[in-house]
């Protein structure tokens, strides 16, 4: 394997990691290039990338609102209180 092949070759796990980073806009130019080269010959990773893009688009277009840390704490406290009642 030549120098450039070694430099740009990635396995599927690394390609999936690059795909995830790209979806969240955390991938650098080199990662994106390596991913694109991998996708040129790997059908499984093209499928993973396609599904990942669809999921990201669905989440961006959803009307889901994040709960605040105060709400999370309130729910956690309520759950712990109920659990304590049932499991003395």
PDB file of N, CA and C in Angstrom:
ATOM      1  N   UNK A   1       0.854  -1.180   0.000  1.00  0.00           N
ATOM      2  CA  UNK A   1       0.000   0.000   0.000  1.00  0.00           C
ATOM      3  C   UNK A   1       0.893   1.233   0.000  1.00  0.00           C
ATOM      4  N   UNK A   2       0.626   2.147  -0.923  1.00  0.00           N
ATOM      5  CA  UNK A   2       1.430   3.347  -1.044  1.00  0.00           C
ATOM      6  C   UNK A   2       1.163   4.335   0.080  1.00  0.00           C
ATOM      7  N   UNK A   3       2.011   5.347   0.148  1.00  0.00           N
ATOM      8  CA  UNK A   3       1.904   6.359   1.210  1.00  0.00           C
ATOM      9  C   UNK A   3       0.542   7.046   1.221  1.00  0.00           C
ATOM     10  N   UNK A   4       0.084   7.468   0.037  1.00  0.00           N
ATOM     11  CA  UNK A   4      -1.209   8.161  -0.030  1.00  0.00           C
ATOM     12  C   UNK A   4      -2.355   7.233   0.324  1.00  0.00           C
ATOM     13  N   UNK A   5      -2.257   5.975  -0.096  1.00  0.00           N
ATOM     14  CA  UNK A   5      -3.306   5.020   0.258  1.00  0.00           C
ATOM     15  C   UNK A   5      -3.368   4.831   1.771  1.00  0.00           C
ATOM     16  N   UNK A   6      -2.201   4.710   2.404  1.00  0.00           N
ATOM     17  CA  UNK A   6      -2.165   4.561   3.862  1.00  0.00           C
ATOM     18  C   UNK A   6      -2.706   5.810   4.540  1.00  0.00           C
ATOM     19  N   UNK A   7      -2.393   6.958   3.985  1.00  0.00           N
ATOM     20  CA  UNK A   7      -2.820   8.225   4.568  1.00  0.00           C
ATOM     21  C   UNK A   7      -4.330   8.390   4.493  1.00  0.00           C
ATOM     22  N   UNK A   8      -4.924   7.981   3.374  1.00  0.00           N
ATOM     23  CA  UNK A   8      -6.346   8.210   3.167  1.00  0.00           C
ATOM     24  C   UNK A   8      -7.236   7.003   3.455  1.00  0.00           C
ATOM     25  N   UNK A   9      -6.659   5.820   3.626  1.00  0.00           N
ATOM     26  CA  UNK A   9      -7.473   4.625   3.844  1.00  0.00           C
ATOM     27  C   UNK A   9      -7.996   4.594   5.277  1.00  0.00           C
ATOM     28  N   UNK A  10      -9.287   4.340   5.422  1.00  0.00           N
ATOM     29  CA  UNK A  10      -9.898   4.174   6.742  1.00  0.00           C
ATOM     30  C   UNK A  10     -10.804   2.953   6.705  1.00  0.00           C
ATOM     31  N   UNK A  11     -10.992   2.327   7.858  1.00  0.00           N
ATOM     32  CA  UNK A  11     -11.904   1.196   7.923  1.00  0.00           C
ATOM     33  C   UNK A  11     -13.328   1.704   8.149  1.00  0.00           C
ATOM     34  N   UNK A  12     -14.284   0.792   8.172  1.00  0.00           N
ATOM     35  CA  UNK A  12     -15.695   1.182   8.288  1.00  0.00           C
ATOM     36  C   UNK A  12     -16.005   1.874   9.618  1.00  0.00           C
ATOM     37  N   UNK A  13     -15.400   1.419  10.694  1.00  0.00           N
ATOM     38  CA  UNK A  13     -15.651   2.048  11.995  1.00  0.00           C
ATOM     39  C   UNK A  13     -15.202   3.501  11.987  1.00  0.00           C
ATOM     40  N   UNK A  14     -14.029   3.742  11.415  1.00  0.00           N
ATOM     41  CA  UNK A  14     -13.521   5.110  11.336  1.00  0.00           C
ATOM     42  C   UNK A  14     -14.363   5.954  10.363  1.00  0.00           C
ATOM     43  N   UNK A  15     -14.838   5.328   9.296  1.00  0.00           N
ATOM     44  CA  UNK A  15     -15.693   6.033   8.341  1.00  0.00           C
ATOM     45  C   UNK A  15     -17.002   6.449   9.017  1.00  0.00           C
ATOM     46  N   UNK A  16     -17.577   5.543   9.814  1.00  0.00           N
ATOM     47  CA  UNK A  16     -18.808   5.878  10.526  1.00  0.00           C
ATOM     48  C   UNK A  16     -18.570   7.000  11.528  1.00  0.00           C
ATOM     49  N   UNK A  17     -17.422   6.994  12.167  1.00  0.00           N
ATOM     50  CA  UNK A  17     -17.071   8.063  13.099  1.00  0.00           C
ATOM     51  C   UNK A  17     -16.947   9.396  12.350  1.00  0.00           C
ATOM     52  N   UNK A  18     -16.303   9.373  11.203  1.00  0.00           N
ATOM     53  CA  UNK A  18     -16.177  10.590  10.381  1.00  0.00           C
ATOM     54  C   UNK A  18     -17.553  11.070   9.928  1.00  0.00           C
ATOM     55  N   UNK A  19     -18.417  10.134   9.584  1.00  0.00           N
ATOM     56  CA  UNK A  19     -19.775  10.481   9.165  1.00  0.00           C
ATOM     57  C   UNK A  19     -20.509  11.180  10.299  1.00  0.00           C
ATOM     58  N   UNK A  20     -20.416  10.622  11.502  1.00  0.00           N
ATOM     59  CA  UNK A  20     -21.074  11.230  12.659  1.00  0.00           C
ATOM     60  C   UNK A  20     -20.536  12.633  12.921  1.00  0.00           C
ATOM     61  N   UNK A  21     -19.213  12.771  12.847  1.00  0.00           N
ATOM     62  CA  UNK A  21     -18.614  14.089  13.065  1.00  0.00           C
ATOM     63  C   UNK A  21     -19.075  15.082  11.999  1.00  0.00           C
ATOM     64  N   UNK A  22     -19.187  14.616  10.761  1.00  0.00           N
ATOM     65  CA  UNK A  22     -19.633  15.488   9.674  1.00  0.00           C
ATOM     66  C   UNK A  22     -21.083  15.924   9.887  1.00  0.00           C
ATOM     67  N   UNK A  23     -21.920  15.018  10.373  1.00  0.00           N
ATOM     68  CA  UNK A  23     -23.320  15.358  10.616  1.00  0.00           C
ATOM     69  C   UNK A  23     -23.453  16.469  11.653  1.00  0.00           C
ATOM     70  N   UNK A  24     -22.552  16.483  12.627  1.00  0.00           N
ATOM     71  CA  UNK A  24     -22.601  17.499  13.678  1.00  0.00           C
ATOM     72  C   UNK A  24     -21.639  18.650  13.403  1.00  0.00           C
ATOM     73  N   UNK A  25     -21.146  18.694  12.169  1.00  0.00           N
ATOM     74  CA  UNK A  25     -20.246  19.756  11.711  1.00  0.00           C
ATOM     75  C   UNK A  25     -18.963  19.856  12.541  1.00  0.00           C
ATOM     76  N   UNK A  26     -18.461  18.671  12.955  1.00  0.00           N
ATOM     77  CA  UNK A  26     -17.214  18.626  13.717  1.00  0.00           C
ATOM     78  C   UNK A  26     -16.074  17.994  12.923  1.00  0.00           C
ATOM     79  N   UNK A  27     -16.325  17.607  11.696  1.00  0.00           N
ATOM     80  CA  UNK A  27     -15.295  16.964  10.880  1.00  0.00           C
ATOM     81  C   UNK A  27     -14.458  18.023  10.169  1.00  0.00           C
ATOM     82  N   UNK A  28     -13.157  17.778  10.127  1.00  0.00           N
ATOM     83  CA  UNK A  28     -12.297  18.700   9.391  1.00  0.00           C
ATOM     84  C   UNK A  28     -12.237  18.275   7.918  1.00  0.00           C
ATOM     85  N   UNK A  29     -11.579  19.064   7.115  1.00  0.00           N
ATOM     86  CA  UNK A  29     -11.505  18.811   5.670  1.00  0.00           C
ATOM     87  C   UNK A  29     -10.885  17.449   5.376  1.00  0.00           C
ATOM     88  N   UNK A  30      -9.836  17.084   6.092  1.00  0.00           N
ATOM     89  CA  UNK A  30      -9.144  15.814   5.887  1.00  0.00           C
ATOM     90  C   UNK A  30     -10.091  14.646   6.184  1.00  0.00           C
ATOM     91  N   UNK A  31     -10.838  14.723   7.285  1.00  0.00           N
ATOM     92  CA  UNK A  31     -11.806  13.680   7.630  1.00  0.00           C
ATOM     93  C   UNK A  31     -12.859  13.530   6.534  1.00  0.00           C
ATOM     94  N   UNK A  32     -13.350  14.656   6.033  1.00  0.00           N
ATOM     95  CA  UNK A  32     -14.373  14.623   4.985  1.00  0.00           C
ATOM     96  C   UNK A  32     -13.832  13.982   3.713  1.00  0.00           C
ATOM     97  N   UNK A  33     -12.601  14.290   3.358  1.00  0.00           N
ATOM     98  CA  UNK A  33     -11.985  13.687   2.167  1.00  0.00           C
ATOM     99  C   UNK A  33     -11.839  12.179   2.330  1.00  0.00           C
ATOM    100  N   UNK A  34     -11.358  11.765   3.480  1.00  0.00           N
ATOM    101  CA  UNK A  34     -11.188  10.334   3.748  1.00  0.00           C
ATOM    102  C   UNK A  34     -12.540   9.620   3.700  1.00  0.00           C
ATOM    103  N   UNK A  35     -13.565  10.253   4.264  1.00  0.00           N
ATOM    104  CA  UNK A  35     -14.900   9.657   4.240  1.00  0.00           C
ATOM    105  C   UNK A  35     -15.402   9.516   2.808  1.00  0.00           C
ATOM    106  N   UNK A  36     -15.258  10.562   2.015  1.00  0.00           N
ATOM    107  CA  UNK A  36     -15.740  10.520   0.636  1.00  0.00           C
ATOM    108  C   UNK A  36     -15.044   9.417  -0.164  1.00  0.00           C
ATOM    109  N   UNK A  37     -13.744   9.258   0.037  1.00  0.00           N
ATOM    110  CA  UNK A  37     -13.019   8.187  -0.659  1.00  0.00           C
ATOM    111  C   UNK A  37     -13.527   6.821  -0.208  1.00  0.00           C
ATOM    112  N   UNK A  38     -13.768   6.660   1.075  1.00  0.00           N
ATOM    113  CA  UNK A  38     -14.267   5.387   1.592  1.00  0.00           C
ATOM    114  C   UNK A  38     -15.661   5.099   1.036  1.00  0.00           C
ATOM    115  N   UNK A  39     -16.496   6.116   0.992  1.00  0.00           N
ATOM    116  CA  UNK A  39     -17.860   5.924   0.498  1.00  0.00           C
ATOM    117  C   UNK A  39     -17.893   5.541  -0.981  1.00  0.00           C
ATOM    118  N   UNK A  40     -16.835   5.893  -1.704  1.00  0.00           N
ATOM    119  CA  UNK A  40     -16.775   5.571  -3.131  1.00  0.00           C
ATOM    120  C   UNK A  40     -16.768   4.063  -3.373  1.00  0.00           C
ATOM    121  N   UNK A  41     -16.268   3.285  -2.409  1.00  0.00           N
ATOM    122  CA  UNK A  41     -16.198   1.842  -2.615  1.00  0.00           C
ATOM    123  C   UNK A  41     -16.929   1.017  -1.558  1.00  0.00           C
ATOM    124  N   UNK A  42     -17.523   1.634  -0.548  1.00  0.00           N
ATOM    125  CA  UNK A  42     -18.153   0.862   0.519  1.00  0.00           C
ATOM    126  C   UNK A  42     -19.667   1.096   0.565  1.00  0.00           C
ATOM    127  N   UNK A  43     -20.413   0.120   0.097  1.00  0.00           N
ATOM    128  CA  UNK A  43     -21.867   0.221   0.036  1.00  0.00           C
ATOM    129  C   UNK A  43     -22.480   0.303   1.439  1.00  0.00           C
ATOM    130  N   UNK A  44     -21.961  -0.461   2.377  1.00  0.00           N
ATOM    131  CA  UNK A  44     -22.508  -0.468   3.741  1.00  0.00           C
ATOM    132  C   UNK A  44     -22.388   0.908   4.392  1.00  0.00           C
ATOM    133  N   UNK A  45     -21.268   1.565   4.210  1.00  0.00           N
ATOM    134  CA  UNK A  45     -21.074   2.889   4.806  1.00  0.00           C
ATOM    135  C   UNK A  45     -21.889   3.956   4.087  1.00  0.00           C
ATOM    136  N   UNK A  46     -22.123   3.777   2.780  1.00  0.00           N
ATOM    137  CA  UNK A  46     -23.011   4.703   2.070  1.00  0.00           C
ATOM    138  C   UNK A  46     -24.423   4.603   2.642  1.00  0.00           C
ATOM    139  N   UNK A  47     -24.848   3.377   2.938  1.00  0.00           N
ATOM    140  CA  UNK A  47     -26.173   3.165   3.530  1.00  0.00           C
ATOM    141  C   UNK A  47     -26.241   3.800   4.918  1.00  0.00           C
ATOM    142  N   UNK A  48     -25.198   3.592   5.736  1.00  0.00           N
ATOM    143  CA  UNK A  48     -25.136   4.190   7.077  1.00  0.00           C
ATOM    144  C   UNK A  48     -25.208   5.716   6.977  1.00  0.00           C
ATOM    145  N   UNK A  49     -24.446   6.282   6.071  1.00  0.00           N
ATOM    146  CA  UNK A  49     -24.415   7.735   5.895  1.00  0.00           C
ATOM    147  C   UNK A  49     -25.784   8.263   5.466  1.00  0.00           C
ATOM    148  N   UNK A  50     -26.428   7.552   4.565  1.00  0.00           N
ATOM    149  CA  UNK A  50     -27.751   7.965   4.101  1.00  0.00           C
ATOM    150  C   UNK A  50     -28.764   7.967   5.250  1.00  0.00           C
ATOM    151  N   UNK A  51     -28.771   6.897   6.034  1.00  0.00           N
ATOM    152  CA  UNK A  51     -29.693   6.816   7.170  1.00  0.00           C
ATOM    153  C   UNK A  51     -29.375   7.886   8.212  1.00  0.00           C
ATOM    154  N   UNK A  52     -28.104   8.143   8.418  1.00  0.00           N
ATOM    155  CA  UNK A  52     -27.680   9.156   9.390  1.00  0.00           C
ATOM    156  C   UNK A  52     -28.169  10.544   8.962  1.00  0.00           C
ATOM    157  N   UNK A  53     -28.057  10.835   7.670  1.00  0.00           N
ATOM    158  CA  UNK A  53     -28.523  12.124   7.156  1.00  0.00           C
ATOM    159  C   UNK A  53     -30.036  12.274   7.321  1.00  0.00           C
ATOM    160  N   UNK A  54     -30.775  11.195   7.038  1.00  0.00           N
ATOM    161  CA  UNK A  54     -32.232  11.231   7.185  1.00  0.00           C
ATOM    162  C   UNK A  54     -32.618  11.475   8.643  1.00  0.00           C
ATOM    163  N   UNK A  55     -31.945  10.788   9.562  1.00  0.00           N
ATOM    164  CA  UNK A  55     -32.236  10.958  10.985  1.00  0.00           C
ATOM    165  C   UNK A  55     -31.946  12.384  11.435  1.00  0.00           C
ATOM    166  N   UNK A  56     -30.823  12.924  11.017  1.00  0.00           N
ATOM    167  CA  UNK A  56     -30.453  14.296  11.381  1.00  0.00           C
ATOM    168  C   UNK A  56     -31.489  15.282  10.848  1.00  0.00           C
ATOM    169  N   UNK A  57     -31.927  15.082   9.613  1.00  0.00           N
ATOM    170  CA  UNK A  57     -32.916  15.981   9.016  1.00  0.00           C
ATOM    171  C   UNK A  57     -34.246  15.895   9.762  1.00  0.00           C
ATOM    172  N   UNK A  58     -34.661  14.681  10.116  1.00  0.00           N
ATOM    173  CA  UNK A  58     -35.898  14.516  10.880  1.00  0.00           C
ATOM    174  C   UNK A  58     -35.828  15.231  12.225  1.00  0.00           C
ATOM    175  N   UNK A  59     -34.703  15.107  12.903  1.00  0.00           N
ATOM    176  CA  UNK A  59     -34.541  15.749  14.211  1.00  0.00           C
ATOM    177  C   UNK A  59     -34.530  17.270  14.077  1.00  0.00           C
ATOM    178  N   UNK A  60     -33.882  17.775  13.044  1.00  0.00           N
ATOM    179  CA  UNK A  60     -33.833  19.227  12.838  1.00  0.00           C
ATOM    180  C   UNK A  60     -35.205  19.795  12.508  1.00  0.00           C
ATOM    181  N   UNK A  61     -36.027  19.021  11.805  1.00  0.00           N
ATOM    182  CA  UNK A  61     -37.347  19.488  11.397  1.00  0.00           C
ATOM    183  C   UNK A  61     -38.439  19.195  12.419  1.00  0.00           C
ATOM    184  N   UNK A  62     -38.103  18.483  13.475  1.00  0.00           N
ATOM    185  CA  UNK A  62     -39.103  18.144  14.485  1.00  0.00           C
ATOM    186  C   UNK A  62     -39.384  19.355  15.377  1.00  0.00           C
ATOM    187  N   UNK A  63     -40.447  19.249  16.107  1.00  0.00           N
ATOM    188  CA  UNK A  63     -40.820  20.325  17.025  1.00  0.00           C
ATOM    189  C   UNK A  63     -40.473  19.958  18.465  1.00  0.00           C
ATOM    190  N   UNK A  64     -39.517  19.103  18.619  1.00  0.00           N
ATOM    191  CA  UNK A  64     -39.109  18.650  19.943  1.00  0.00           C
ATOM    192  C   UNK A  64     -38.392  19.783  20.667  1.00  0.00           C
ATOM    193  N   UNK A  65     -38.811  20.021  21.886  1.00  0.00           N
ATOM    194  CA  UNK A  65     -38.160  21.037  22.702  1.00  0.00           C
ATOM    195  C   UNK A  65     -37.376  20.338  23.815  1.00  0.00           C
ATOM    196  N   UNK A  66     -36.228  20.839  24.077  1.00  0.00           N
ATOM    197  CA  UNK A  66     -35.412  20.279  25.145  1.00  0.00           C
ATOM    198  C   UNK A  66     -35.923  20.768  26.490  1.00  0.00           C
ATOM    199  N   UNK A  67     -35.842  19.899  27.477  1.00  0.00           N
ATOM    200  CA  UNK A  67     -36.250  20.329  28.812  1.00  0.00           C
ATOM    201  C   UNK A  67     -35.047  20.959  29.523  1.00  0.00           C
ATOM    202  N   UNK A  68     -35.364  21.814  30.459  1.00  0.00           N
ATOM    203  CA  UNK A  68     -34.310  22.515  31.194  1.00  0.00           C
ATOM    204  C   UNK A  68     -33.706  21.588  32.240  1.00  0.00           C
ATOM    205  N   UNK A  69     -32.560  21.973  32.745  1.00  0.00           N
ATOM    206  CA  UNK A  69     -31.922  21.196  33.808  1.00  0.00           C
ATOM    207  C   UNK A  69     -32.801  21.167  35.056  1.00  0.00           C
ATOM    208  N   UNK A  70     -33.512  22.269  35.322  1.00  0.00           N
ATOM    209  CA  UNK A  70     -34.406  22.324  36.482  1.00  0.00           C
ATOM    210  C   UNK A  70     -35.539  21.301  36.331  1.00  0.00           C
ATOM    211  N   UNK A  71     -36.095  21.173  35.095  1.00  0.00           N
ATOM    212  CA  UNK A  71     -37.141  20.181  34.853  1.00  0.00           C
ATOM    213  C   UNK A  71     -36.609  18.770  35.039  1.00  0.00           C
ATOM    214  N   UNK A  72     -35.420  18.510  34.541  1.00  0.00           N
ATOM    215  CA  UNK A  72     -34.805  17.189  34.691  1.00  0.00           C
ATOM    216  C   UNK A  72     -34.642  16.836  36.162  1.00  0.00           C
ATOM    217  N   UNK A  73     -34.148  17.796  36.939  1.00  0.00           N
ATOM    218  CA  UNK A  73     -33.950  17.558  38.368  1.00  0.00           C
ATOM    219  C   UNK A  73     -35.281  17.301  39.059  1.00  0.00           C
ATOM    220  N   UNK A  74     -36.303  18.060  38.700  1.00  0.00           N
ATOM    221  CA  UNK A  74     -37.629  17.893  39.305  1.00  0.00           C
ATOM    222  C   UNK A  74     -38.168  16.486  39.009  1.00  0.00           C
ATOM    223  N   UNK A  75     -38.043  16.031  37.765  1.00  0.00           N
ATOM    224  CA  UNK A  75     -38.513  14.695  37.402  1.00  0.00           C
ATOM    225  C   UNK A  75     -37.712  13.615  38.119  1.00  0.00           C
ATOM    226  N   UNK A  76     -36.411  13.795  38.182  1.00  0.00           N
ATOM    227  CA  UNK A  76     -35.559  12.825  38.850  1.00  0.00           C
ATOM    228  C   UNK A  76     -35.933  12.710  40.321  1.00  0.00           C
ATOM    229  N   UNK A  77     -36.148  13.842  40.975  1.00  0.00           N
ATOM    230  CA  UNK A  77     -36.538  13.834  42.388  1.00  0.00           C
ATOM    231  C   UNK A  77     -37.882  13.138  42.582  1.00  0.00           C
ATOM    232  N   UNK A  78     -38.840  13.407  41.691  1.00  0.00           N
ATOM    233  CA  UNK A  78     -40.162  12.778  41.790  1.00  0.00           C
ATOM    234  C   UNK A  78     -40.065  11.265  41.608  1.00  0.00           C
ATOM    235  N   UNK A  79     -39.259  10.833  40.671  1.00  0.00           N
ATOM    236  CA  UNK A  79     -39.079   9.390  40.429  1.00  0.00           C
ATOM    237  C   UNK A  79     -38.427   8.733  41.629  1.00  0.00           C
ATOM    238  N   UNK A  80     -37.408   9.370  42.174  1.00  0.00           N
ATOM    239  CA  UNK A  80     -36.731   8.809  43.345  1.00  0.00           C
ATOM    240  C   UNK A  80     -37.680   8.730  44.544  1.00  0.00           C
ATOM    241  N   UNK A  81     -38.527   9.733  44.698  1.00  0.00           N
ATOM    242  CA  UNK A  81     -39.483   9.751  45.796  1.00  0.00           C
ATOM    243  C   UNK A  81     -40.478   8.594  45.651  1.00  0.00           C
ATOM    244  N   UNK A  82     -40.997   8.384  44.433  1.00  0.00           N
ATOM    245  CA  UNK A  82     -41.936   7.285  44.189  1.00  0.00           C
ATOM    246  C   UNK A  82     -41.259   5.935  44.390  1.00  0.00           C
ATOM    247  N   UNK A  83     -40.034   5.833  43.933  1.00  0.00           N
ATOM    248  CA  UNK A  83     -39.285   4.578  44.090  1.00  0.00           C
ATOM    249  C   UNK A  83     -39.078   4.270  45.566  1.00  0.00           C
ATOM    250  N   UNK A  84     -38.742   5.286  46.340  1.00  0.00           N
ATOM    251  CA  UNK A  84     -38.522   5.099  47.771  1.00  0.00           C
ATOM    252  C   UNK A  84     -39.798   4.633  48.472  1.00  0.00           C
ATOM    253  N   UNK A  85     -40.969   5.116  48.041  1.00  0.00           N
ATOM    254  CA  UNK A  85     -42.236   4.684  48.616  1.00  0.00           C
ATOM    255  C   UNK A  85     -42.488   3.194  48.374  1.00  0.00           C
ATOM    256  N   UNK A  86     -42.191   2.778  47.154  1.00  0.00           N
ATOM    257  CA  UNK A  86     -42.465   1.390  46.751  1.00  0.00           C
ATOM    258  C   UNK A  86     -41.410   0.412  47.229  1.00  0.00           C
ATOM    259  N   UNK A  87     -40.221   0.888  47.541  1.00  0.00           N
ATOM    260  CA  UNK A  87     -39.105   0.026  47.958  1.00  0.00           C
ATOM    261  C   UNK A  87     -38.491   0.526  49.249  1.00  0.00           C
ATOM    262  N   UNK A  88     -39.208   0.368  50.369  1.00  0.00           N
ATOM    263  CA  UNK A  88     -38.700   0.915  51.644  1.00  0.00           C
ATOM    264  C   UNK A  88     -37.471   0.175  52.153  1.00  0.00           C
TER     265      UNK A  88
END
